[in-house]
Amino acid sequence: MAPRVAAISFSFLRPTPSVTRLQQPCFNIRIRASSTVGTSAEGGAINIQQVPAPGSGYVRVLLLNRPKARNAISKELLNTLRFHVDAISAEQGNGPTRALVIASNVDSAFCAGADLKERKGMTKEETNAFLTKLRGTFAKLETLPVPTISAISSVALGGGLELALCTHLRVFGSSSVVGLPETRLAIIPGAGGTYRLPKLIGASRARDLILTGRKVSGAEAYFVGLCNRLVEVTPEEEAQEGVARTKVLHEGIKLGLDICEGGPIAIKQAMQAVDQFEKGEEAENAAYAGVVETEDRLEALRAFAEKRKPVYRGR
């Protein structure tokens, strides 16, 4: 059964201390740090927010919400994540979802990896079925036709970091701590860590992190290329409830909104070209052919001549 999604509301009022204000050309949107909008009326494993994007559509925000388990990946959380991944995939890049941000609704962790307490009670068959669904969900997330962003302000270990590796971009707070500690538990990363991490930071650095199982700070993660943006979080901010998490979430959403300033078709085609960069000119030419006849390209030329901001419609 698909998770039920509650209605989502937006306020255009003065921000309170628990609110981050996102600056938009024509409006201000309040993002509540403790939103109760979720996958059920009572709140679920993932809370949902939608932030209007420039022109049309929205940035979908998924906030992992299992505070007592530090957002460990349970069956419920995985099922809900898969529901949203499937829904965005079905839009084929032509629907209202312009970008996706995955973050945490919990100060203590982005995601602490697998739910070992739940896993302990599974049979071998149930464990294998769970891992198959986890790997399939991560693979589908990795290939979504819209930009995807992870926003991490605290701990992302094991499957939590593997989840972040599946998104196109990563925003870390300087307060974040990430790693693949599986070898310390006499296993290895099992949801893509051994091949997605080397692809991102190179085999040599990936060996260092995977073989030692050590945890790295946000600053080192940025240095080795594990994240795209690093947000400074002061000790005072880290000590205040919700501040670091909201600050990093704000930057993740801002990155998504910045991307959405471009033409929707152009973003989709650019992603396609970069994903096939090994093909070089062939991939670029094929992707470029998909934008030259669009209405958005003509709108960009008109806007330039008229010295105004273009309004893209994804056509």
C-alpha atoms as a PDB file:
ATOM      1  CA  MET A   1       0.000   0.000   0.000  1.00  0.00           C
ATOM      2  CA  ALA A   2       1.359   3.437  -0.939  1.00  0.00           C
ATOM      3  CA  PRO A   3       2.069   5.807   1.971  1.00  0.00           C
ATOM      4  CA  ARG A   4      -0.545   8.485   2.506  1.00  0.00           C
ATOM      5  CA  VAL A   5       0.676  12.038   2.044  1.00  0.00           C
ATOM      6  CA  ALA A   6      -0.816  14.847   4.068  1.00  0.00           C
ATOM      7  CA  ALA A   7      -1.559  18.258   2.584  1.00  0.00           C
ATOM      8  CA  ILE A   8       1.364  20.650   2.409  1.00  0.00           C
ATOM      9  CA  SER A   9       0.996  24.313   3.249  1.00  0.00           C
ATOM     10  CA  PHE A  10       3.251  27.316   2.755  1.00  0.00           C
ATOM     11  CA  SER A  11       3.329  30.496   4.806  1.00  0.00           C
ATOM     12  CA  PHE A  12       4.305  33.957   3.650  1.00  0.00           C
ATOM     13  CA  LEU A  13       4.804  35.473   7.096  1.00  0.00           C
ATOM     14  CA  ARG A  14       7.662  36.704   9.222  1.00  0.00           C
ATOM     15  CA  PRO A  15      10.097  33.955  10.152  1.00  0.00           C
ATOM     16  CA  THR A  16      10.307  32.705  13.730  1.00  0.00           C
ATOM     17  CA  PRO A  17      13.480  31.401  15.455  1.00  0.00           C
ATOM     18  CA  SER A  18      12.668  27.859  14.250  1.00  0.00           C
ATOM     19  CA  VAL A  19      12.361  28.919  10.623  1.00  0.00           C
ATOM     20  CA  THR A  20      14.820  29.392   7.767  1.00  0.00           C
ATOM     21  CA  ARG A  21      13.846  32.044   5.229  1.00  0.00           C
ATOM     22  CA  LEU A  22      14.585  31.250   1.580  1.00  0.00           C
ATOM     23  CA  GLN A  23      14.978  34.298  -0.623  1.00  0.00           C
ATOM     24  CA  GLN A  24      13.109  34.096  -3.917  1.00  0.00           C
ATOM     25  CA  PRO A  25      12.715  36.725  -6.629  1.00  0.00           C
ATOM     26  CA  CYS A  26       9.009  37.258  -5.861  1.00  0.00           C
ATOM     27  CA  PHE A  27       8.270  35.573  -2.553  1.00  0.00           C
ATOM     28  CA  ASN A  28       9.639  34.242   0.701  1.00  0.00           C
ATOM     29  CA  ILE A  29       8.958  30.684   1.806  1.00  0.00           C
ATOM     30  CA  ARG A  30       9.116  29.432   5.365  1.00  0.00           C
ATOM     31  CA  ILE A  31      10.702  26.039   5.921  1.00  0.00           C
ATOM     32  CA  ARG A  32       9.758  24.787   9.367  1.00  0.00           C
ATOM     33  CA  ALA A  33      12.507  22.914  11.170  1.00  0.00           C
ATOM     34  CA  SER A  34       9.991  20.664  12.913  1.00  0.00           C
ATOM     35  CA  SER A  35       7.426  20.092  10.195  1.00  0.00           C
ATOM     36  CA  THR A  36       4.751  17.546  10.974  1.00  0.00           C
ATOM     37  CA  VAL A  37       3.810  17.094   7.340  1.00  0.00           C
ATOM     38  CA  GLY A  38       4.581  13.460   6.632  1.00  0.00           C
ATOM     39  CA  THR A  39       3.643  10.228   5.023  1.00  0.00           C
ATOM     40  CA  SER A  40       0.634   9.775   7.307  1.00  0.00           C
ATOM     41  CA  ALA A  41      -1.606  11.991   9.389  1.00  0.00           C
ATOM     42  CA  GLU A  42       0.362  10.937  12.477  1.00  0.00           C
ATOM     43  CA  GLY A  43       3.770  11.532  10.889  1.00  0.00           C
ATOM     44  CA  GLY A  44       5.899   8.822   9.336  1.00  0.00           C
ATOM     45  CA  ALA A  45       9.425   7.681   8.674  1.00  0.00           C
ATOM     46  CA  ILE A  46       9.866  10.454   6.113  1.00  0.00           C
ATOM     47  CA  ASN A  47       8.389  13.949   6.296  1.00  0.00           C
ATOM     48  CA  ILE A  48       7.672  15.855   3.103  1.00  0.00           C
ATOM     49  CA  GLN A  49       7.988  19.464   2.043  1.00  0.00           C
ATOM     50  CA  GLN A  50       7.551  21.077  -1.351  1.00  0.00           C
ATOM     51  CA  VAL A  51       9.264  24.377  -2.170  1.00  0.00           C
ATOM     52  CA  PRO A  52       7.991  26.238  -5.263  1.00  0.00           C
ATOM     53  CA  ALA A  53      10.648  26.365  -7.979  1.00  0.00           C
ATOM     54  CA  PRO A  54      11.253  29.295 -10.341  1.00  0.00           C
ATOM     55  CA  GLY A  55       8.771  29.269 -13.222  1.00  0.00           C
ATOM     56  CA  SER A  56       6.915  26.068 -12.416  1.00  0.00           C
ATOM     57  CA  GLY A  57       6.963  22.943 -10.289  1.00  0.00           C
ATOM     58  CA  TYR A  58       8.718  22.508  -6.983  1.00  0.00           C
ATOM     59  CA  VAL A  59      11.728  21.138  -5.156  1.00  0.00           C
ATOM     60  CA  ARG A  60      10.604  18.034  -3.273  1.00  0.00           C
ATOM     61  CA  VAL A  61      12.213  17.723   0.174  1.00  0.00           C
ATOM     62  CA  LEU A  62      12.290  14.395   1.998  1.00  0.00           C
ATOM     63  CA  LEU A  63      13.227  14.602   5.681  1.00  0.00           C
ATOM     64  CA  LEU A  64      14.200  11.289   7.268  1.00  0.00           C
ATOM     65  CA  ASN A  65      12.265  11.133  10.517  1.00  0.00           C
ATOM     66  CA  ARG A  66      13.138   8.275  12.908  1.00  0.00           C
ATOM     67  CA  PRO A  67      14.612  10.213  15.847  1.00  0.00           C
ATOM     68  CA  LYS A  68      14.721   7.284  18.270  1.00  0.00           C
ATOM     69  CA  ALA A  69      16.671   5.184  15.756  1.00  0.00           C
ATOM     70  CA  ARG A  70      18.891   7.984  14.365  1.00  0.00           C
ATOM     71  CA  ASN A  71      17.120   7.541  11.019  1.00  0.00           C
ATOM     72  CA  ALA A  72      18.342   3.959  10.604  1.00  0.00           C
ATOM     73  CA  ILE A  73      16.937   2.399   7.451  1.00  0.00           C
ATOM     74  CA  SER A  74      13.949   0.303   8.497  1.00  0.00           C
ATOM     75  CA  LYS A  75      11.405  -1.444   6.288  1.00  0.00           C
ATOM     76  CA  GLU A  76       9.019   1.486   6.734  1.00  0.00           C
ATOM     77  CA  LEU A  77      11.620   4.095   5.849  1.00  0.00           C
ATOM     78  CA  LEU A  78      12.778   2.097   2.821  1.00  0.00           C
ATOM     79  CA  ASN A  79       9.215   1.552   1.593  1.00  0.00           C
ATOM     80  CA  THR A  80       8.458   5.260   1.888  1.00  0.00           C
ATOM     81  CA  LEU A  81      11.682   6.257   0.145  1.00  0.00           C
ATOM     82  CA  ARG A  82      10.939   3.796  -2.666  1.00  0.00           C
ATOM     83  CA  PHE A  83       7.439   5.244  -3.032  1.00  0.00           C
ATOM     84  CA  HIS A  84       8.843   8.729  -3.640  1.00  0.00           C
ATOM     85  CA  VAL A  85      11.642   7.518  -5.910  1.00  0.00           C
ATOM     86  CA  ASP A  86       9.124   5.596  -8.022  1.00  0.00           C
ATOM     87  CA  ALA A  87       6.801   8.601  -8.172  1.00  0.00           C
ATOM     88  CA  ILE A  88       9.562  10.947  -9.353  1.00  0.00           C
ATOM     89  CA  SER A  89      10.858   8.368 -11.827  1.00  0.00           C
ATOM     90  CA  ALA A  90       7.363   8.025 -13.306  1.00  0.00           C
ATOM     91  CA  GLU A  91       7.362  11.748 -14.094  1.00  0.00           C
ATOM     92  CA  GLN A  92      10.304  11.090 -16.472  1.00  0.00           C
ATOM     93  CA  GLY A  93      11.679  14.561 -15.795  1.00  0.00           C
ATOM     94  CA  ASN A  94       8.541  16.191 -17.225  1.00  0.00           C
ATOM     95  CA  GLY A  95       6.435  16.446 -14.070  1.00  0.00           C
ATOM     96  CA  PRO A  96       6.165  18.963 -11.239  1.00  0.00           C
ATOM     97  CA  THR A  97       9.230  17.666  -9.356  1.00  0.00           C
ATOM     98  CA  ARG A  98      12.110  19.824 -10.569  1.00  0.00           C
ATOM     99  CA  ALA A  99      14.673  18.664  -7.987  1.00  0.00           C
ATOM    100  CA  LEU A 100      14.880  16.409  -4.950  1.00  0.00           C
ATOM    101  CA  VAL A 101      16.566  17.140  -1.607  1.00  0.00           C
ATOM    102  CA  ILE A 102      17.075  14.369   0.946  1.00  0.00           C
ATOM    103  CA  ALA A 103      17.867  15.551   4.465  1.00  0.00           C
ATOM    104  CA  SER A 104      17.131  14.768   8.103  1.00  0.00           C
ATOM    105  CA  ASN A 105      14.449  15.893  10.506  1.00  0.00           C
ATOM    106  CA  VAL A 106      16.703  14.734  13.355  1.00  0.00           C
ATOM    107  CA  ASP A 107      19.670  16.613  14.844  1.00  0.00           C
ATOM    108  CA  SER A 108      21.658  13.536  15.852  1.00  0.00           C
ATOM    109  CA  ALA A 109      21.973  11.904  12.427  1.00  0.00           C
ATOM    110  CA  PHE A 110      21.310  12.104   8.721  1.00  0.00           C
ATOM    111  CA  CYS A 111      21.161   8.317   8.651  1.00  0.00           C
ATOM    112  CA  ALA A 112      22.994   5.831  10.861  1.00  0.00           C
ATOM    113  CA  GLY A 113      22.791   3.046   8.271  1.00  0.00           C
ATOM    114  CA  ALA A 114      20.836  -0.179   8.540  1.00  0.00           C
ATOM    115  CA  ASP A 115      18.408  -0.747  11.395  1.00  0.00           C
ATOM    116  CA  LEU A 116      20.376  -3.517  13.092  1.00  0.00           C
ATOM    117  CA  LYS A 117      17.715  -4.080  15.742  1.00  0.00           C
ATOM    118  CA  GLU A 118      15.109  -4.760  13.068  1.00  0.00           C
ATOM    119  CA  ARG A 119      17.609  -6.751  11.012  1.00  0.00           C
ATOM    120  CA  LYS A 120      18.330  -9.013  13.999  1.00  0.00           C
ATOM    121  CA  GLY A 121      14.752 -10.292  13.934  1.00  0.00           C
ATOM    122  CA  MET A 122      14.690 -11.038  10.192  1.00  0.00           C
ATOM    123  CA  THR A 123      15.059 -14.477   8.660  1.00  0.00           C
ATOM    124  CA  LYS A 124      17.719 -15.042   6.013  1.00  0.00           C
ATOM    125  CA  GLU A 125      15.058 -14.800   3.306  1.00  0.00           C
ATOM    126  CA  GLU A 126      13.678 -11.542   4.736  1.00  0.00           C
ATOM    127  CA  THR A 127      17.176 -10.089   4.962  1.00  0.00           C
ATOM    128  CA  ASN A 128      17.912 -10.974   1.335  1.00  0.00           C
ATOM    129  CA  ALA A 129      14.590  -9.460   0.213  1.00  0.00           C
ATOM    130  CA  PHE A 130      15.326  -6.272   2.174  1.00  0.00           C
ATOM    131  CA  LEU A 131      18.801  -5.936   0.685  1.00  0.00           C
ATOM    132  CA  THR A 132      17.457  -6.509  -2.828  1.00  0.00           C
ATOM    133  CA  LYS A 133      14.888  -3.739  -2.363  1.00  0.00           C
ATOM    134  CA  LEU A 134      17.467  -1.430  -0.754  1.00  0.00           C
ATOM    135  CA  ARG A 135      19.926  -1.876  -3.612  1.00  0.00           C
ATOM    136  CA  GLY A 136      17.189  -1.473  -6.200  1.00  0.00           C
ATOM    137  CA  THR A 137      15.914   1.698  -4.570  1.00  0.00           C
ATOM    138  CA  PHE A 138      19.399   3.211  -4.411  1.00  0.00           C
ATOM    139  CA  ALA A 139      20.040   2.288  -8.059  1.00  0.00           C
ATOM    140  CA  LYS A 140      16.784   3.936  -9.144  1.00  0.00           C
ATOM    141  CA  LEU A 141      17.518   7.032  -7.034  1.00  0.00           C
ATOM    142  CA  GLU A 142      20.914   7.314  -8.714  1.00  0.00           C
ATOM    143  CA  THR A 143      19.318   7.424 -12.167  1.00  0.00           C
ATOM    144  CA  LEU A 144      16.454   9.852 -11.496  1.00  0.00           C
ATOM    145  CA  PRO A 145      16.098  12.357 -14.364  1.00  0.00           C
ATOM    146  CA  VAL A 146      15.977  15.369 -12.016  1.00  0.00           C
ATOM    147  CA  PRO A 147      18.841  16.786  -9.917  1.00  0.00           C
ATOM    148  CA  THR A 148      19.085  15.096  -6.520  1.00  0.00           C
ATOM    149  CA  ILE A 149      20.845  16.535  -3.472  1.00  0.00           C
ATOM    150  CA  SER A 150      21.755  15.183  -0.037  1.00  0.00           C
ATOM    151  CA  ALA A 151      21.996  17.711   2.803  1.00  0.00           C
ATOM    152  CA  ILE A 152      23.963  16.363   5.789  1.00  0.00           C
ATOM    153  CA  SER A 153      24.718  18.243   9.006  1.00  0.00           C
ATOM    154  CA  SER A 154      25.536  15.376  11.362  1.00  0.00           C
ATOM    155  CA  VAL A 155      26.261  11.633  11.110  1.00  0.00           C
ATOM    156  CA  ALA A 156      25.985   9.561   7.923  1.00  0.00           C
ATOM    157  CA  LEU A 157      27.495   6.120   8.358  1.00  0.00           C
ATOM    158  CA  GLY A 158      27.320   2.902   6.352  1.00  0.00           C
ATOM    159  CA  GLY A 159      24.027   2.802   4.479  1.00  0.00           C
ATOM    160  CA  GLY A 160      23.498   6.457   5.367  1.00  0.00           C
ATOM    161  CA  LEU A 161      26.557   7.520   3.405  1.00  0.00           C
ATOM    162  CA  GLU A 162      25.681   5.027   0.662  1.00  0.00           C
ATOM    163  CA  LEU A 163      22.308   6.783   0.367  1.00  0.00           C
ATOM    164  CA  ALA A 164      24.072  10.129  -0.045  1.00  0.00           C
ATOM    165  CA  LEU A 165      26.393   8.642  -2.690  1.00  0.00           C
ATOM    166  CA  CYS A 166      23.318   7.925  -4.829  1.00  0.00           C
ATOM    167  CA  THR A 167      22.401  11.603  -5.192  1.00  0.00           C
ATOM    168  CA  HIS A 168      23.947  13.797  -7.856  1.00  0.00           C
ATOM    169  CA  LEU A 169      25.161  16.411  -5.377  1.00  0.00           C
ATOM    170  CA  ARG A 170      25.971  16.557  -1.665  1.00  0.00           C
ATOM    171  CA  VAL A 171      25.910  19.497   0.764  1.00  0.00           C
ATOM    172  CA  PHE A 172      27.713  18.833   4.058  1.00  0.00           C
ATOM    173  CA  GLY A 173      27.925  20.900   7.191  1.00  0.00           C
ATOM    174  CA  SER A 174      31.335  21.291   8.817  1.00  0.00           C
ATOM    175  CA  SER A 175      29.636  19.512  11.727  1.00  0.00           C
ATOM    176  CA  SER A 176      29.040  16.358   9.674  1.00  0.00           C
ATOM    177  CA  VAL A 177      30.793  13.021  10.226  1.00  0.00           C
ATOM    178  CA  VAL A 178      30.634  10.392   7.504  1.00  0.00           C
ATOM    179  CA  GLY A 179      32.142   6.994   6.851  1.00  0.00           C
ATOM    180  CA  LEU A 180      31.785   3.375   5.810  1.00  0.00           C
ATOM    181  CA  PRO A 181      32.650   1.468   9.016  1.00  0.00           C
ATOM    182  CA  GLU A 182      31.464  -1.960   7.834  1.00  0.00           C
ATOM    183  CA  THR A 183      34.880  -3.673   7.988  1.00  0.00           C
ATOM    184  CA  ARG A 184      34.930  -2.897  11.713  1.00  0.00           C
ATOM    185  CA  LEU A 185      31.798  -5.075  11.921  1.00  0.00           C
ATOM    186  CA  ALA A 186      33.412  -7.886   9.907  1.00  0.00           C
ATOM    187  CA  ILE A 187      31.349  -7.125   6.779  1.00  0.00           C
ATOM    188  CA  ILE A 188      31.751  -4.786   3.792  1.00  0.00           C
ATOM    189  CA  PRO A 189      29.568  -1.991   2.372  1.00  0.00           C
ATOM    190  CA  GLY A 190      26.658  -3.743   0.708  1.00  0.00           C
ATOM    191  CA  ALA A 191      24.542  -0.987  -0.881  1.00  0.00           C
ATOM    192  CA  GLY A 192      26.922   0.481  -3.428  1.00  0.00           C
ATOM    193  CA  GLY A 193      29.720   1.896  -1.290  1.00  0.00           C
ATOM    194  CA  THR A 194      32.502  -0.178  -2.862  1.00  0.00           C
ATOM    195  CA  TYR A 195      31.779   1.082  -6.372  1.00  0.00           C
ATOM    196  CA  ARG A 196      30.080   4.461  -5.949  1.00  0.00           C
ATOM    197  CA  LEU A 197      32.723   5.871  -3.595  1.00  0.00           C
ATOM    198  CA  PRO A 198      35.716   5.064  -5.898  1.00  0.00           C
ATOM    199  CA  LYS A 199      33.801   6.551  -8.819  1.00  0.00           C
ATOM    200  CA  LEU A 200      33.392   9.758  -6.847  1.00  0.00           C
ATOM    201  CA  ILE A 201      36.753  10.239  -5.083  1.00  0.00           C
ATOM    202  CA  GLY A 202      39.053   7.745  -6.794  1.00  0.00           C
ATOM    203  CA  ALA A 203      40.064   4.197  -5.897  1.00  0.00           C
ATOM    204  CA  SER A 204      43.026   5.124  -3.689  1.00  0.00           C
ATOM    205  CA  ARG A 205      41.071   7.402  -1.351  1.00  0.00           C
ATOM    206  CA  ALA A 206      38.123   5.020  -1.371  1.00  0.00           C
ATOM    207  CA  ARG A 207      40.401   2.169  -0.233  1.00  0.00           C
ATOM    208  CA  ASP A 208      41.590   4.322   2.653  1.00  0.00           C
ATOM    209  CA  LEU A 209      38.063   5.001   3.889  1.00  0.00           C
ATOM    210  CA  ILE A 210      36.658   1.518   3.282  1.00  0.00           C
ATOM    211  CA  LEU A 211      39.576  -0.578   4.566  1.00  0.00           C
ATOM    212  CA  THR A 212      40.118   1.469   7.713  1.00  0.00           C
ATOM    213  CA  GLY A 213      36.418   2.091   8.289  1.00  0.00           C
ATOM    214  CA  ARG A 214      37.374   5.485   9.681  1.00  0.00           C
ATOM    215  CA  LYS A 215      35.037   8.435   9.985  1.00  0.00           C
ATOM    216  CA  VAL A 216      35.873  11.751   8.345  1.00  0.00           C
ATOM    217  CA  SER A 217      34.768  15.285   9.101  1.00  0.00           C
ATOM    218  CA  GLY A 218      32.888  17.546   6.744  1.00  0.00           C
ATOM    219  CA  ALA A 219      36.086  19.483   6.009  1.00  0.00           C
ATOM    220  CA  GLU A 220      38.022  16.360   4.993  1.00  0.00           C
ATOM    221  CA  ALA A 221      35.040  15.118   2.998  1.00  0.00           C
ATOM    222  CA  TYR A 222      35.083  18.378   1.028  1.00  0.00           C
ATOM    223  CA  PHE A 223      38.852  18.142   0.548  1.00  0.00           C
ATOM    224  CA  VAL A 224      38.673  14.654  -0.976  1.00  0.00           C
ATOM    225  CA  GLY A 225      35.690  15.547  -3.186  1.00  0.00           C
ATOM    226  CA  LEU A 226      33.036  13.639  -1.290  1.00  0.00           C
ATOM    227  CA  CYS A 227      30.753  16.683  -1.088  1.00  0.00           C
ATOM    228  CA  ASN A 228      30.117  19.584  -3.466  1.00  0.00           C
ATOM    229  CA  ARG A 229      29.360  22.301  -0.921  1.00  0.00           C
ATOM    230  CA  LEU A 230      30.590  22.757   2.636  1.00  0.00           C
ATOM    231  CA  VAL A 231      28.510  24.855   5.023  1.00  0.00           C
ATOM    232  CA  GLU A 232      30.292  26.334   8.031  1.00  0.00           C
ATOM    233  CA  VAL A 233      28.569  25.422  11.285  1.00  0.00           C
ATOM    234  CA  THR A 234      30.004  27.100  14.380  1.00  0.00           C
ATOM    235  CA  PRO A 235      30.216  25.251  17.732  1.00  0.00           C
ATOM    236  CA  GLU A 236      27.551  27.616  19.059  1.00  0.00           C
ATOM    237  CA  GLU A 237      25.206  26.745  16.180  1.00  0.00           C
ATOM    238  CA  GLU A 238      25.890  23.036  16.582  1.00  0.00           C
ATOM    239  CA  ALA A 239      24.934  23.262  20.256  1.00  0.00           C
ATOM    240  CA  GLN A 240      21.534  24.817  19.489  1.00  0.00           C
ATOM    241  CA  GLU A 241      18.654  22.497  18.668  1.00  0.00           C
ATOM    242  CA  GLY A 242      17.823  22.420  14.968  1.00  0.00           C
ATOM    243  CA  VAL A 243      20.167  25.233  13.934  1.00  0.00           C
ATOM    244  CA  ALA A 244      22.892  23.241  12.129  1.00  0.00           C
ATOM    245  CA  ARG A 245      20.363  20.947  10.502  1.00  0.00           C
ATOM    246  CA  THR A 246      18.225  23.829   9.261  1.00  0.00           C
ATOM    247  CA  LYS A 247      21.254  25.781   8.027  1.00  0.00           C
ATOM    248  CA  VAL A 248      22.500  22.881   5.905  1.00  0.00           C
ATOM    249  CA  LEU A 249      18.972  22.082   4.683  1.00  0.00           C
ATOM    250  CA  HIS A 250      18.614  25.724   3.617  1.00  0.00           C
ATOM    251  CA  GLU A 251      21.781  25.451   1.520  1.00  0.00           C
ATOM    252  CA  GLY A 252      20.617  22.176  -0.019  1.00  0.00           C
ATOM    253  CA  ILE A 253      17.281  23.709  -1.017  1.00  0.00           C
ATOM    254  CA  LYS A 254      19.019  26.847  -2.274  1.00  0.00           C
ATOM    255  CA  LEU A 255      21.235  24.699  -4.491  1.00  0.00           C
ATOM    256  CA  GLY A 256      18.142  22.987  -5.872  1.00  0.00           C
ATOM    257  CA  LEU A 257      16.441  26.321  -6.529  1.00  0.00           C
ATOM    258  CA  ASP A 258      19.582  27.706  -8.194  1.00  0.00           C
ATOM    259  CA  ILE A 259      19.588  24.734 -10.572  1.00  0.00           C
ATOM    260  CA  CYS A 260      15.894  25.280 -11.303  1.00  0.00           C
ATOM    261  CA  GLU A 261      16.684  28.798 -12.583  1.00  0.00           C
ATOM    262  CA  GLY A 262      17.844  27.060 -15.767  1.00  0.00           C
ATOM    263  CA  GLY A 263      15.596  25.697 -18.463  1.00  0.00           C
ATOM    264  CA  PRO A 264      14.012  22.375 -17.374  1.00  0.00           C
ATOM    265  CA  ILE A 265      14.795  20.624 -20.652  1.00  0.00           C
ATOM    266  CA  ALA A 266      18.330  22.016 -20.683  1.00  0.00           C
ATOM    267  CA  ILE A 267      18.949  20.707 -17.152  1.00  0.00           C
ATOM    268  CA  LYS A 268      17.664  17.276 -18.134  1.00  0.00           C
ATOM    269  CA  GLN A 269      19.810  17.160 -21.283  1.00  0.00           C
ATOM    270  CA  ALA A 270      22.905  18.450 -19.479  1.00  0.00           C
ATOM    271  CA  MET A 271      22.539  15.696 -16.873  1.00  0.00           C
ATOM    272  CA  GLN A 272      22.255  13.150 -19.658  1.00  0.00           C
ATOM    273  CA  ALA A 273      25.420  14.414 -21.337  1.00  0.00           C
ATOM    274  CA  VAL A 274      27.457  14.423 -18.109  1.00  0.00           C
ATOM    275  CA  ASP A 275      26.229  10.933 -17.187  1.00  0.00           C
ATOM    276  CA  GLN A 276      27.678   9.721 -20.495  1.00  0.00           C
ATOM    277  CA  PHE A 277      30.842  11.819 -20.433  1.00  0.00           C
ATOM    278  CA  GLU A 278      32.933   8.805 -21.458  1.00  0.00           C
ATOM    279  CA  LYS A 279      31.342   9.055 -24.904  1.00  0.00           C
ATOM    280  CA  GLY A 280      32.644  12.605 -25.235  1.00  0.00           C
ATOM    281  CA  GLU A 281      31.411  14.609 -28.210  1.00  0.00           C
ATOM    282  CA  GLU A 282      28.886  11.963 -29.221  1.00  0.00           C
ATOM    283  CA  ALA A 283      26.958  12.265 -25.951  1.00  0.00           C
ATOM    284  CA  GLU A 284      27.144  16.056 -25.917  1.00  0.00           C
ATOM    285  CA  ASN A 285      25.933  16.410 -29.490  1.00  0.00           C
ATOM    286  CA  ALA A 286      23.027  14.053 -28.867  1.00  0.00           C
ATOM    287  CA  ALA A 287      22.005  15.956 -25.745  1.00  0.00           C
ATOM    288  CA  TYR A 288      22.405  19.332 -27.488  1.00  0.00           C
ATOM    289  CA  ALA A 289      20.068  18.210 -30.253  1.00  0.00           C
ATOM    290  CA  GLY A 290      17.359  17.925 -27.627  1.00  0.00           C
ATOM    291  CA  VAL A 291      17.452  21.640 -26.740  1.00  0.00           C
ATOM    292  CA  VAL A 292      17.895  23.524 -30.028  1.00  0.00           C
ATOM    293  CA  GLU A 293      14.243  23.312 -31.077  1.00  0.00           C
ATOM    294  CA  THR A 294      12.673  24.097 -27.701  1.00  0.00           C
ATOM    295  CA  GLU A 295      10.439  27.046 -26.894  1.00  0.00           C
ATOM    296  CA  ASP A 296      12.589  27.692 -23.837  1.00  0.00           C
ATOM    297  CA  ARG A 297      15.660  28.375 -26.003  1.00  0.00           C
ATOM    298  CA  LEU A 298      13.703  30.938 -28.028  1.00  0.00           C
ATOM    299  CA  GLU A 299      12.415  32.472 -24.782  1.00  0.00           C
ATOM    300  CA  ALA A 300      16.007  32.833 -23.572  1.00  0.00           C
ATOM    301  CA  LEU A 301      16.952  34.694 -26.764  1.00  0.00           C
ATOM    302  CA  ARG A 302      13.916  36.990 -26.490  1.00  0.00           C
ATOM    303  CA  ALA A 303      14.612  37.696 -22.826  1.00  0.00           C
ATOM    304  CA  PHE A 304      18.230  38.569 -23.615  1.00  0.00           C
ATOM    305  CA  ALA A 305      17.169  40.987 -26.351  1.00  0.00           C
ATOM    306  CA  GLU A 306      14.511  42.540 -24.114  1.00  0.00           C
ATOM    307  CA  LYS A 307      16.866  42.704 -21.102  1.00  0.00           C
ATOM    308  CA  ARG A 308      14.566  40.751 -18.798  1.00  0.00           C
ATOM    309  CA  LYS A 309      14.625  37.484 -16.920  1.00  0.00           C
ATOM    310  CA  PRO A 310      13.459  34.503 -19.011  1.00  0.00           C
ATOM    311  CA  VAL A 311      10.375  32.540 -18.011  1.00  0.00           C
ATOM    312  CA  TYR A 312      10.890  28.878 -18.861  1.00  0.00           C
ATOM    313  CA  ARG A 313       7.995  26.447 -19.303  1.00  0.00           C
ATOM    314  CA  GLY A 314       9.806  23.237 -19.994  1.00  0.00           C
ATOM    315  CA  ARG A 315       8.712  23.171 -23.614  1.00  0.00           C
END
